[in-house]
């Protein structure tokens, strides 16, 4: 019988960076992907990542897919603890399947 919720046995110490990488997506996010937003001026998808309370500009991309893949690649290349994201398609479809 597992204990759920806040119990000393169910907790562990985590660094600020570890805690900061698991934050929920902002309600203002319209892309559906963490760190990916639409740049109205350049008409491209802008990718940023936050590390130790500093934002790092990864780049601008023509498609949302390229933006998500660039963020995932940046996480891998820099051995970050951030969660990578799975691209599910521009309209929520992958290979004809709805998500």
PDB file of N, CA and C in Angstrom:
ATOM      1  N   UNK A   1       0.847  -1.189   0.000  1.00  0.00           N
ATOM      2  CA  UNK A   1       0.000   0.000   0.000  1.00  0.00           C
ATOM      3  C   UNK A   1       0.885   1.242   0.000  1.00  0.00           C
ATOM      4  N   UNK A   2       0.918   1.967  -1.123  1.00  0.00           N
ATOM      5  CA  UNK A   2       1.766   3.148  -1.248  1.00  0.00           C
ATOM      6  C   UNK A   2       1.104   4.365  -0.634  1.00  0.00           C
ATOM      7  N   UNK A   3       1.938   5.214  -0.022  1.00  0.00           N
ATOM      8  CA  UNK A   3       1.444   6.472   0.510  1.00  0.00           C
ATOM      9  C   UNK A   3       1.507   7.517  -0.589  1.00  0.00           C
ATOM     10  N   UNK A   4       0.431   8.249  -0.767  1.00  0.00           N
ATOM     11  CA  UNK A   4       0.401   9.309  -1.755  1.00  0.00           C
ATOM     12  C   UNK A   4       0.336  10.643  -1.047  1.00  0.00           C
ATOM     13  N   UNK A   5       0.816  11.681  -1.711  1.00  0.00           N
ATOM     14  CA  UNK A   5       0.744  13.013  -1.131  1.00  0.00           C
ATOM     15  C   UNK A   5       2.033  13.419  -0.445  1.00  0.00           C
ATOM     16  N   UNK A   6       1.888  14.349   0.468  1.00  0.00           N
ATOM     17  CA  UNK A   6       3.044  14.936   1.135  1.00  0.00           C
ATOM     18  C   UNK A   6       3.362  14.184   2.422  1.00  0.00           C
ATOM     19  N   UNK A   7       4.301  13.282   2.362  1.00  0.00           N
ATOM     20  CA  UNK A   7       4.796  12.527   3.503  1.00  0.00           C
ATOM     21  C   UNK A   7       6.315  12.577   3.460  1.00  0.00           C
ATOM     22  N   UNK A   8       6.994  12.614   4.587  1.00  0.00           N
ATOM     23  CA  UNK A   8       8.470  12.645   4.580  1.00  0.00           C
ATOM     24  C   UNK A   8       9.073  11.531   3.727  1.00  0.00           C
ATOM     25  N   UNK A   9       8.439  10.348   3.745  1.00  0.00           N
ATOM     26  CA  UNK A   9       8.965   9.220   2.961  1.00  0.00           C
ATOM     27  C   UNK A   9       8.766   9.416   1.456  1.00  0.00           C
ATOM     28  N   UNK A  10       7.902  10.353   1.093  1.00  0.00           N
ATOM     29  CA  UNK A  10       7.577  10.585  -0.310  1.00  0.00           C
ATOM     30  C   UNK A  10       8.254  11.849  -0.837  1.00  0.00           C
ATOM     31  N   UNK A  11       9.197  12.393  -0.094  1.00  0.00           N
ATOM     32  CA  UNK A  11       9.857  13.643  -0.475  1.00  0.00           C
ATOM     33  C   UNK A  11      11.356  13.436  -0.635  1.00  0.00           C
ATOM     34  N   UNK A  12      11.963  14.322  -1.389  1.00  0.00           N
ATOM     35  CA  UNK A  12      13.421  14.304  -1.512  1.00  0.00           C
ATOM     36  C   UNK A  12      13.897  15.733  -1.696  1.00  0.00           C
ATOM     37  N   UNK A  13      15.154  15.987  -1.358  1.00  0.00           N
ATOM     38  CA  UNK A  13      15.736  17.310  -1.562  1.00  0.00           C
ATOM     39  C   UNK A  13      16.053  17.484  -3.039  1.00  0.00           C
ATOM     40  N   UNK A  14      15.797  18.670  -3.555  1.00  0.00           N
ATOM     41  CA  UNK A  14      16.098  18.982  -4.954  1.00  0.00           C
ATOM     42  C   UNK A  14      16.722  20.370  -5.015  1.00  0.00           C
ATOM     43  N   UNK A  15      17.641  20.542  -5.941  1.00  0.00           N
ATOM     44  CA  UNK A  15      18.257  21.853  -6.125  1.00  0.00           C
ATOM     45  C   UNK A  15      17.236  22.802  -6.739  1.00  0.00           C
ATOM     46  N   UNK A  16      17.536  24.089  -6.691  1.00  0.00           N
ATOM     47  CA  UNK A  16      16.665  25.085  -7.305  1.00  0.00           C
ATOM     48  C   UNK A  16      16.502  24.791  -8.788  1.00  0.00           C
ATOM     49  N   UNK A  17      17.596  24.434  -9.460  1.00  0.00           N
ATOM     50  CA  UNK A  17      17.534  24.138 -10.898  1.00  0.00           C
ATOM     51  C   UNK A  17      16.595  22.969 -11.169  1.00  0.00           C
ATOM     52  N   UNK A  18      16.679  21.899 -10.369  1.00  0.00           N
ATOM     53  CA  UNK A  18      15.789  20.756 -10.557  1.00  0.00           C
ATOM     54  C   UNK A  18      14.330  21.166 -10.362  1.00  0.00           C
ATOM     55  N   UNK A  19      14.064  21.964  -9.346  1.00  0.00           N
ATOM     56  CA  UNK A  19      12.699  22.408  -9.090  1.00  0.00           C
ATOM     57  C   UNK A  19      12.195  23.310 -10.205  1.00  0.00           C
ATOM     58  N   UNK A  20      13.052  24.177 -10.705  1.00  0.00           N
ATOM     59  CA  UNK A  20      12.678  25.160 -11.711  1.00  0.00           C
ATOM     60  C   UNK A  20      12.396  24.520 -13.075  1.00  0.00           C
ATOM     61  N   UNK A  21      12.948  23.349 -13.340  1.00  0.00           N
ATOM     62  CA  UNK A  21      12.746  22.713 -14.645  1.00  0.00           C
ATOM     63  C   UNK A  21      11.409  21.996 -14.741  1.00  0.00           C
ATOM     64  N   UNK A  22      10.702  21.860 -13.636  1.00  0.00           N
ATOM     65  CA  UNK A  22       9.444  21.127 -13.645  1.00  0.00           C
ATOM     66  C   UNK A  22       8.233  22.031 -13.417  1.00  0.00           C
ATOM     67  N   UNK A  23       8.376  23.298 -13.738  1.00  0.00           N
ATOM     68  CA  UNK A  23       7.264  24.230 -13.579  1.00  0.00           C
ATOM     69  C   UNK A  23       6.205  23.984 -14.650  1.00  0.00           C
ATOM     70  N   UNK A  24       4.985  24.297 -14.319  1.00  0.00           N
ATOM     71  CA  UNK A  24       3.894  24.145 -15.279  1.00  0.00           C
ATOM     72  C   UNK A  24       4.008  25.195 -16.387  1.00  0.00           C
ATOM     73  N   UNK A  25       3.411  24.892 -17.526  1.00  0.00           N
ATOM     74  CA  UNK A  25       3.408  25.827 -18.636  1.00  0.00           C
ATOM     75  C   UNK A  25       2.542  27.038 -18.275  1.00  0.00           C
ATOM     76  N   UNK A  26       2.971  28.212 -18.670  1.00  0.00           N
ATOM     77  CA  UNK A  26       2.224  29.427 -18.386  1.00  0.00           C
ATOM     78  C   UNK A  26       0.864  29.404 -19.083  1.00  0.00           C
ATOM     79  N   UNK A  27      -0.138  29.982 -18.458  1.00  0.00           N
ATOM     80  CA  UNK A  27      -1.477  30.044 -19.043  1.00  0.00           C
ATOM     81  C   UNK A  27      -1.496  30.880 -20.314  1.00  0.00           C
ATOM     82  N   UNK A  28      -0.540  31.801 -20.450  1.00  0.00           N
ATOM     83  CA  UNK A  28      -0.481  32.660 -21.627  1.00  0.00           C
ATOM     84  C   UNK A  28       0.173  31.975 -22.826  1.00  0.00           C
ATOM     85  N   UNK A  29       0.707  30.774 -22.630  1.00  0.00           N
ATOM     86  CA  UNK A  29       1.363  30.048 -23.708  1.00  0.00           C
ATOM     87  C   UNK A  29       0.325  29.612 -24.737  1.00  0.00           C
ATOM     88  N   UNK A  30       0.502  30.064 -25.978  1.00  0.00           N
ATOM     89  CA  UNK A  30      -0.438  29.738 -27.058  1.00  0.00           C
ATOM     90  C   UNK A  30       0.089  28.647 -27.987  1.00  0.00           C
ATOM     91  N   UNK A  31       1.380  28.307 -27.866  1.00  0.00           N
ATOM     92  CA  UNK A  31       1.959  27.311 -28.767  1.00  0.00           C
ATOM     93  C   UNK A  31       1.652  25.892 -28.322  1.00  0.00           C
ATOM     94  N   UNK A  32       1.427  25.705 -27.018  1.00  0.00           N
ATOM     95  CA  UNK A  32       1.238  24.360 -26.492  1.00  0.00           C
ATOM     96  C   UNK A  32       2.541  23.690 -26.111  1.00  0.00           C
ATOM     97  N   UNK A  33       3.654  24.398 -26.274  1.00  0.00           N
ATOM     98  CA  UNK A  33       4.971  23.848 -25.965  1.00  0.00           C
ATOM     99  C   UNK A  33       5.734  24.816 -25.070  1.00  0.00           C
ATOM    100  N   UNK A  34       6.320  24.287 -24.030  1.00  0.00           N
ATOM    101  CA  UNK A  34       7.089  25.088 -23.092  1.00  0.00           C
ATOM    102  C   UNK A  34       8.300  25.707 -23.801  1.00  0.00           C
ATOM    103  N   UNK A  35       8.498  27.001 -23.614  1.00  0.00           N
ATOM    104  CA  UNK A  35       9.651  27.691 -24.186  1.00  0.00           C
ATOM    105  C   UNK A  35       9.497  28.078 -25.647  1.00  0.00           C
ATOM    106  N   UNK A  36       8.338  27.828 -26.234  1.00  0.00           N
ATOM    107  CA  UNK A  36       8.101  28.139 -27.654  1.00  0.00           C
ATOM    108  C   UNK A  36       6.976  29.159 -27.738  1.00  0.00           C
ATOM    109  N   UNK A  37       7.254  30.283 -28.401  1.00  0.00           N
ATOM    110  CA  UNK A  37       6.224  31.318 -28.559  1.00  0.00           C
ATOM    111  C   UNK A  37       6.330  31.939 -29.948  1.00  0.00           C
ATOM    112  N   UNK A  38       5.243  32.579 -30.379  1.00  0.00           N
ATOM    113  CA  UNK A  38       5.194  33.200 -31.697  1.00  0.00           C
ATOM    114  C   UNK A  38       5.772  34.603 -31.621  1.00  0.00           C
ATOM    115  N   UNK A  39       6.735  34.892 -32.476  1.00  0.00           N
ATOM    116  CA  UNK A  39       7.335  36.218 -32.572  1.00  0.00           C
ATOM    117  C   UNK A  39       6.572  36.989 -33.650  1.00  0.00           C
ATOM    118  N   UNK A  40       5.715  37.905 -33.222  1.00  0.00           N
ATOM    119  CA  UNK A  40       4.856  38.649 -34.150  1.00  0.00           C
ATOM    120  C   UNK A  40       5.653  39.528 -35.102  1.00  0.00           C
ATOM    121  N   UNK A  41       6.775  40.048 -34.649  1.00  0.00           N
ATOM    122  CA  UNK A  41       7.585  40.951 -35.469  1.00  0.00           C
ATOM    123  C   UNK A  41       8.258  40.194 -36.614  1.00  0.00           C
ATOM    124  N   UNK A  42       8.885  39.043 -36.293  1.00  0.00           N
ATOM    125  CA  UNK A  42       9.635  38.283 -37.295  1.00  0.00           C
ATOM    126  C   UNK A  42       8.825  37.159 -37.941  1.00  0.00           C
ATOM    127  N   UNK A  43       7.607  36.940 -37.453  1.00  0.00           N
ATOM    128  CA  UNK A  43       6.729  35.891 -37.989  1.00  0.00           C
ATOM    129  C   UNK A  43       7.409  34.528 -37.982  1.00  0.00           C
ATOM    130  N   UNK A  44       7.991  34.210 -36.823  1.00  0.00           N
ATOM    131  CA  UNK A  44       8.650  32.925 -36.628  1.00  0.00           C
ATOM    132  C   UNK A  44       8.399  32.457 -35.199  1.00  0.00           C
ATOM    133  N   UNK A  45       8.671  31.186 -34.946  1.00  0.00           N
ATOM    134  CA  UNK A  45       8.558  30.621 -33.604  1.00  0.00           C
ATOM    135  C   UNK A  45       9.859  30.898 -32.857  1.00  0.00           C
ATOM    136  N   UNK A  46       9.749  31.528 -31.710  1.00  0.00           N
ATOM    137  CA  UNK A  46      10.884  31.902 -30.870  1.00  0.00           C
ATOM    138  C   UNK A  46      11.064  30.846 -29.790  1.00  0.00           C
ATOM    139  N   UNK A  47      12.304  30.423 -29.565  1.00  0.00           N
ATOM    140  CA  UNK A  47      12.592  29.410 -28.551  1.00  0.00           C
ATOM    141  C   UNK A  47      13.541  29.991 -27.506  1.00  0.00           C
ATOM    142  N   UNK A  48      13.126  29.917 -26.253  1.00  0.00           N
ATOM    143  CA  UNK A  48      13.958  30.339 -25.129  1.00  0.00           C
ATOM    144  C   UNK A  48      13.910  29.249 -24.062  1.00  0.00           C
ATOM    145  N   UNK A  49      14.927  29.239 -23.213  1.00  0.00           N
ATOM    146  CA  UNK A  49      14.954  28.291 -22.100  1.00  0.00           C
ATOM    147  C   UNK A  49      15.480  29.028 -20.883  1.00  0.00           C
ATOM    148  N   UNK A  50      14.932  28.720 -19.732  1.00  0.00           N
ATOM    149  CA  UNK A  50      15.325  29.365 -18.488  1.00  0.00           C
ATOM    150  C   UNK A  50      16.236  28.431 -17.707  1.00  0.00           C
ATOM    151  N   UNK A  51      17.414  28.957 -17.342  1.00  0.00           N
ATOM    152  CA  UNK A  51      18.381  28.203 -16.547  1.00  0.00           C
ATOM    153  C   UNK A  51      18.837  29.110 -15.414  1.00  0.00           C
ATOM    154  N   UNK A  52      18.625  28.668 -14.185  1.00  0.00           N
ATOM    155  CA  UNK A  52      18.993  29.454 -13.003  1.00  0.00           C
ATOM    156  C   UNK A  52      18.435  30.876 -13.062  1.00  0.00           C
ATOM    157  N   UNK A  53      17.164  30.982 -13.409  1.00  0.00           N
ATOM    158  CA  UNK A  53      16.458  32.276 -13.484  1.00  0.00           C
ATOM    159  C   UNK A  53      16.969  33.205 -14.576  1.00  0.00           C
ATOM    160  N   UNK A  54      17.725  32.694 -15.530  1.00  0.00           N
ATOM    161  CA  UNK A  54      18.178  33.485 -16.675  1.00  0.00           C
ATOM    162  C   UNK A  54      17.591  32.862 -17.928  1.00  0.00           C
ATOM    163  N   UNK A  55      17.095  33.697 -18.809  1.00  0.00           N
ATOM    164  CA  UNK A  55      16.545  33.210 -20.076  1.00  0.00           C
ATOM    165  C   UNK A  55      17.619  33.193 -21.143  1.00  0.00           C
ATOM    166  N   UNK A  56      17.675  32.106 -21.880  1.00  0.00           N
ATOM    167  CA  UNK A  56      18.633  31.965 -22.976  1.00  0.00           C
ATOM    168  C   UNK A  56      17.861  31.818 -24.285  1.00  0.00           C
ATOM    169  N   UNK A  57      18.210  32.652 -25.250  1.00  0.00           N
ATOM    170  CA  UNK A  57      17.581  32.644 -26.562  1.00  0.00           C
ATOM    171  C   UNK A  57      18.219  31.532 -27.383  1.00  0.00           C
ATOM    172  N   UNK A  58      17.426  30.576 -27.813  1.00  0.00           N
ATOM    173  CA  UNK A  58      17.949  29.462 -28.612  1.00  0.00           C
ATOM    174  C   UNK A  58      17.872  29.786 -30.092  1.00  0.00           C
ATOM    175  N   UNK A  59      16.795  30.430 -30.525  1.00  0.00           N
ATOM    176  CA  UNK A  59      16.676  30.808 -31.926  1.00  0.00           C
ATOM    177  C   UNK A  59      15.242  31.003 -32.356  1.00  0.00           C
ATOM    178  N   UNK A  60      15.083  31.332 -33.646  1.00  0.00           N
ATOM    179  CA  UNK A  60      13.767  31.495 -34.266  1.00  0.00           C
ATOM    180  C   UNK A  60      13.658  30.473 -35.395  1.00  0.00           C
ATOM    181  N   UNK A  61      12.451  29.928 -35.549  1.00  0.00           N
ATOM    182  CA  UNK A  61      12.255  28.843 -36.510  1.00  0.00           C
ATOM    183  C   UNK A  61      10.961  29.059 -37.286  1.00  0.00           C
ATOM    184  N   UNK A  62      10.928  28.555 -38.503  1.00  0.00           N
ATOM    185  CA  UNK A  62       9.772  28.742 -39.371  1.00  0.00           C
ATOM    186  C   UNK A  62       8.582  27.882 -38.981  1.00  0.00           C
ATOM    187  N   UNK A  63       8.837  26.730 -38.385  1.00  0.00           N
ATOM    188  CA  UNK A  63       7.735  25.854 -37.984  1.00  0.00           C
ATOM    189  C   UNK A  63       7.825  25.552 -36.496  1.00  0.00           C
ATOM    190  N   UNK A  64       6.673  25.221 -35.936  1.00  0.00           N
ATOM    191  CA  UNK A  64       6.617  24.851 -34.527  1.00  0.00           C
ATOM    192  C   UNK A  64       7.437  23.573 -34.298  1.00  0.00           C
ATOM    193  N   UNK A  65       7.395  22.665 -35.259  1.00  0.00           N
ATOM    194  CA  UNK A  65       8.147  21.413 -35.150  1.00  0.00           C
ATOM    195  C   UNK A  65       9.635  21.690 -35.030  1.00  0.00           C
ATOM    196  N   UNK A  66      10.162  22.563 -35.883  1.00  0.00           N
ATOM    197  CA  UNK A  66      11.584  22.919 -35.813  1.00  0.00           C
ATOM    198  C   UNK A  66      11.927  23.539 -34.460  1.00  0.00           C
ATOM    199  N   UNK A  67      11.026  24.355 -33.933  1.00  0.00           N
ATOM    200  CA  UNK A  67      11.252  25.023 -32.658  1.00  0.00           C
ATOM    201  C   UNK A  67      11.325  24.003 -31.515  1.00  0.00           C
ATOM    202  N   UNK A  68      10.377  23.077 -31.478  1.00  0.00           N
ATOM    203  CA  UNK A  68      10.366  22.052 -30.429  1.00  0.00           C
ATOM    204  C   UNK A  68      11.621  21.190 -30.524  1.00  0.00           C
ATOM    205  N   UNK A  69      11.985  20.801 -31.739  1.00  0.00           N
ATOM    206  CA  UNK A  69      13.177  19.967 -31.938  1.00  0.00           C
ATOM    207  C   UNK A  69      14.451  20.709 -31.529  1.00  0.00           C
ATOM    208  N   UNK A  70      14.514  22.014 -31.812  1.00  0.00           N
ATOM    209  CA  UNK A  70      15.685  22.812 -31.435  1.00  0.00           C
ATOM    210  C   UNK A  70      15.824  22.889 -29.916  1.00  0.00           C
ATOM    211  N   UNK A  71      14.708  23.070 -29.225  1.00  0.00           N
ATOM    212  CA  UNK A  71      14.743  23.117 -27.759  1.00  0.00           C
ATOM    213  C   UNK A  71      15.202  21.777 -27.192  1.00  0.00           C
ATOM    214  N   UNK A  72      14.672  20.676 -27.725  1.00  0.00           N
ATOM    215  CA  UNK A  72      15.082  19.347 -27.269  1.00  0.00           C
ATOM    216  C   UNK A  72      16.565  19.108 -27.508  1.00  0.00           C
ATOM    217  N   UNK A  73      17.054  19.526 -28.672  1.00  0.00           N
ATOM    218  CA  UNK A  73      18.472  19.356 -29.004  1.00  0.00           C
ATOM    219  C   UNK A  73      19.349  20.175 -28.051  1.00  0.00           C
ATOM    220  N   UNK A  74      18.920  21.392 -27.729  1.00  0.00           N
ATOM    221  CA  UNK A  74      19.658  22.251 -26.806  1.00  0.00           C
ATOM    222  C   UNK A  74      19.734  21.591 -25.427  1.00  0.00           C
ATOM    223  N   UNK A  75      18.637  20.995 -24.987  1.00  0.00           N
ATOM    224  CA  UNK A  75      18.613  20.294 -23.703  1.00  0.00           C
ATOM    225  C   UNK A  75      19.617  19.145 -23.713  1.00  0.00           C
ATOM    226  N   UNK A  76      19.627  18.352 -24.787  1.00  0.00           N
ATOM    227  CA  UNK A  76      20.568  17.231 -24.900  1.00  0.00           C
ATOM    228  C   UNK A  76      22.017  17.707 -24.945  1.00  0.00           C
ATOM    229  N   UNK A  77      22.291  18.683 -25.804  1.00  0.00           N
ATOM    230  CA  UNK A  77      23.671  19.153 -25.988  1.00  0.00           C
ATOM    231  C   UNK A  77      24.269  19.756 -24.719  1.00  0.00           C
ATOM    232  N   UNK A  78      23.421  20.339 -23.886  1.00  0.00           N
ATOM    233  CA  UNK A  78      23.893  20.994 -22.679  1.00  0.00           C
ATOM    234  C   UNK A  78      23.634  20.177 -21.416  1.00  0.00           C
ATOM    235  N   UNK A  79      23.194  18.937 -21.597  1.00  0.00           N
ATOM    236  CA  UNK A  79      22.963  18.003 -20.484  1.00  0.00           C
ATOM    237  C   UNK A  79      22.098  18.635 -19.392  1.00  0.00           C
ATOM    238  N   UNK A  80      20.995  19.277 -19.822  1.00  0.00           N
ATOM    239  CA  UNK A  80      20.101  19.956 -18.885  1.00  0.00           C
ATOM    240  C   UNK A  80      19.081  18.981 -18.312  1.00  0.00           C
ATOM    241  N   UNK A  81      18.528  19.334 -17.163  1.00  0.00           N
ATOM    242  CA  UNK A  81      17.521  18.508 -16.501  1.00  0.00           C
ATOM    243  C   UNK A  81      16.110  18.782 -17.004  1.00  0.00           C
ATOM    244  N   UNK A  82      15.965  19.751 -17.897  1.00  0.00           N
ATOM    245  CA  UNK A  82      14.647  20.115 -18.413  1.00  0.00           C
ATOM    246  C   UNK A  82      14.007  18.923 -19.125  1.00  0.00           C
ATOM    247  N   UNK A  83      12.677  18.863 -19.049  1.00  0.00           N
ATOM    248  CA  UNK A  83      11.960  17.809 -19.766  1.00  0.00           C
ATOM    249  C   UNK A  83      11.897  18.149 -21.242  1.00  0.00           C
ATOM    250  N   UNK A  84      12.181  17.143 -22.075  1.00  0.00           N
ATOM    251  CA  UNK A  84      12.020  17.337 -23.511  1.00  0.00           C
ATOM    252  C   UNK A  84      10.544  17.162 -23.844  1.00  0.00           C
ATOM    253  N   UNK A  85      10.143  17.689 -24.986  1.00  0.00           N
ATOM    254  CA  UNK A  85       8.745  17.648 -25.394  1.00  0.00           C
ATOM    255  C   UNK A  85       8.586  16.837 -26.658  1.00  0.00           C
ATOM    256  N   UNK A  86       7.436  16.233 -26.799  1.00  0.00           N
ATOM    257  CA  UNK A  86       7.112  15.462 -27.995  1.00  0.00           C
ATOM    258  C   UNK A  86       6.251  16.343 -28.882  1.00  0.00           C
ATOM    259  N   UNK A  87       6.689  16.534 -30.099  1.00  0.00           N
ATOM    260  CA  UNK A  87       5.919  17.326 -31.060  1.00  0.00           C
ATOM    261  C   UNK A  87       4.723  16.505 -31.511  1.00  0.00           C
ATOM    262  N   UNK A  88       3.518  17.082 -31.386  1.00  0.00           N
ATOM    263  CA  UNK A  88       2.310  16.326 -31.747  1.00  0.00           C
ATOM    264  C   UNK A  88       1.601  16.888 -32.971  1.00  0.00           C
ATOM    265  N   UNK A  89       2.217  17.809 -33.664  1.00  0.00           N
ATOM    266  CA  UNK A  89       1.615  18.338 -34.882  1.00  0.00           C
ATOM    267  C   UNK A  89       1.043  19.726 -34.704  1.00  0.00           C
ATOM    268  N   UNK A  90       0.949  20.440 -35.808  1.00  0.00           N
ATOM    269  CA  UNK A  90       0.462  21.820 -35.781  1.00  0.00           C
ATOM    270  C   UNK A  90      -0.971  21.904 -35.271  1.00  0.00           C
ATOM    271  N   UNK A  91      -1.798  20.938 -35.619  1.00  0.00           N
ATOM    272  CA  UNK A  91      -3.205  20.985 -35.232  1.00  0.00           C
ATOM    273  C   UNK A  91      -3.574  19.888 -34.251  1.00  0.00           C
ATOM    274  N   UNK A  92      -2.573  19.332 -33.557  1.00  0.00           N
ATOM    275  CA  UNK A  92      -2.852  18.273 -32.604  1.00  0.00           C
ATOM    276  C   UNK A  92      -2.982  16.904 -33.246  1.00  0.00           C
ATOM    277  N   UNK A  93      -2.452  16.730 -34.471  1.00  0.00           N
ATOM    278  CA  UNK A  93      -2.537  15.448 -35.162  1.00  0.00           C
ATOM    279  C   UNK A  93      -1.136  14.948 -35.497  1.00  0.00           C
ATOM    280  N   UNK A  94      -0.918  13.649 -35.307  1.00  0.00           N
ATOM    281  CA  UNK A  94       0.307  12.996 -35.731  1.00  0.00           C
ATOM    282  C   UNK A  94      -0.119  11.776 -36.530  1.00  0.00           C
ATOM    283  N   UNK A  95       0.316  11.707 -37.770  1.00  0.00           N
ATOM    284  CA  UNK A  95      -0.033  10.597 -38.658  1.00  0.00           C
ATOM    285  C   UNK A  95      -1.558  10.341 -38.676  1.00  0.00           C
ATOM    286  N   UNK A  96      -2.328  11.425 -38.692  1.00  0.00           N
ATOM    287  CA  UNK A  96      -3.764  11.297 -38.770  1.00  0.00           C
ATOM    288  C   UNK A  96      -4.469  11.007 -37.458  1.00  0.00           C
ATOM    289  N   UNK A  97      -3.709  10.802 -36.382  1.00  0.00           N
ATOM    290  CA  UNK A  97      -4.292  10.488 -35.079  1.00  0.00           C
ATOM    291  C   UNK A  97      -4.389  11.751 -34.240  1.00  0.00           C
ATOM    292  N   UNK A  98      -5.538  12.007 -33.653  1.00  0.00           N
ATOM    293  CA  UNK A  98      -5.780  13.185 -32.837  1.00  0.00           C
ATOM    294  C   UNK A  98      -5.224  13.015 -31.432  1.00  0.00           C
ATOM    295  N   UNK A  99      -4.654  14.111 -30.866  1.00  0.00           N
ATOM    296  CA  UNK A  99      -4.129  14.116 -29.497  1.00  0.00           C
ATOM    297  C   UNK A  99      -4.760  15.219 -28.697  1.00  0.00           C
TER     298      UNK A  99
END
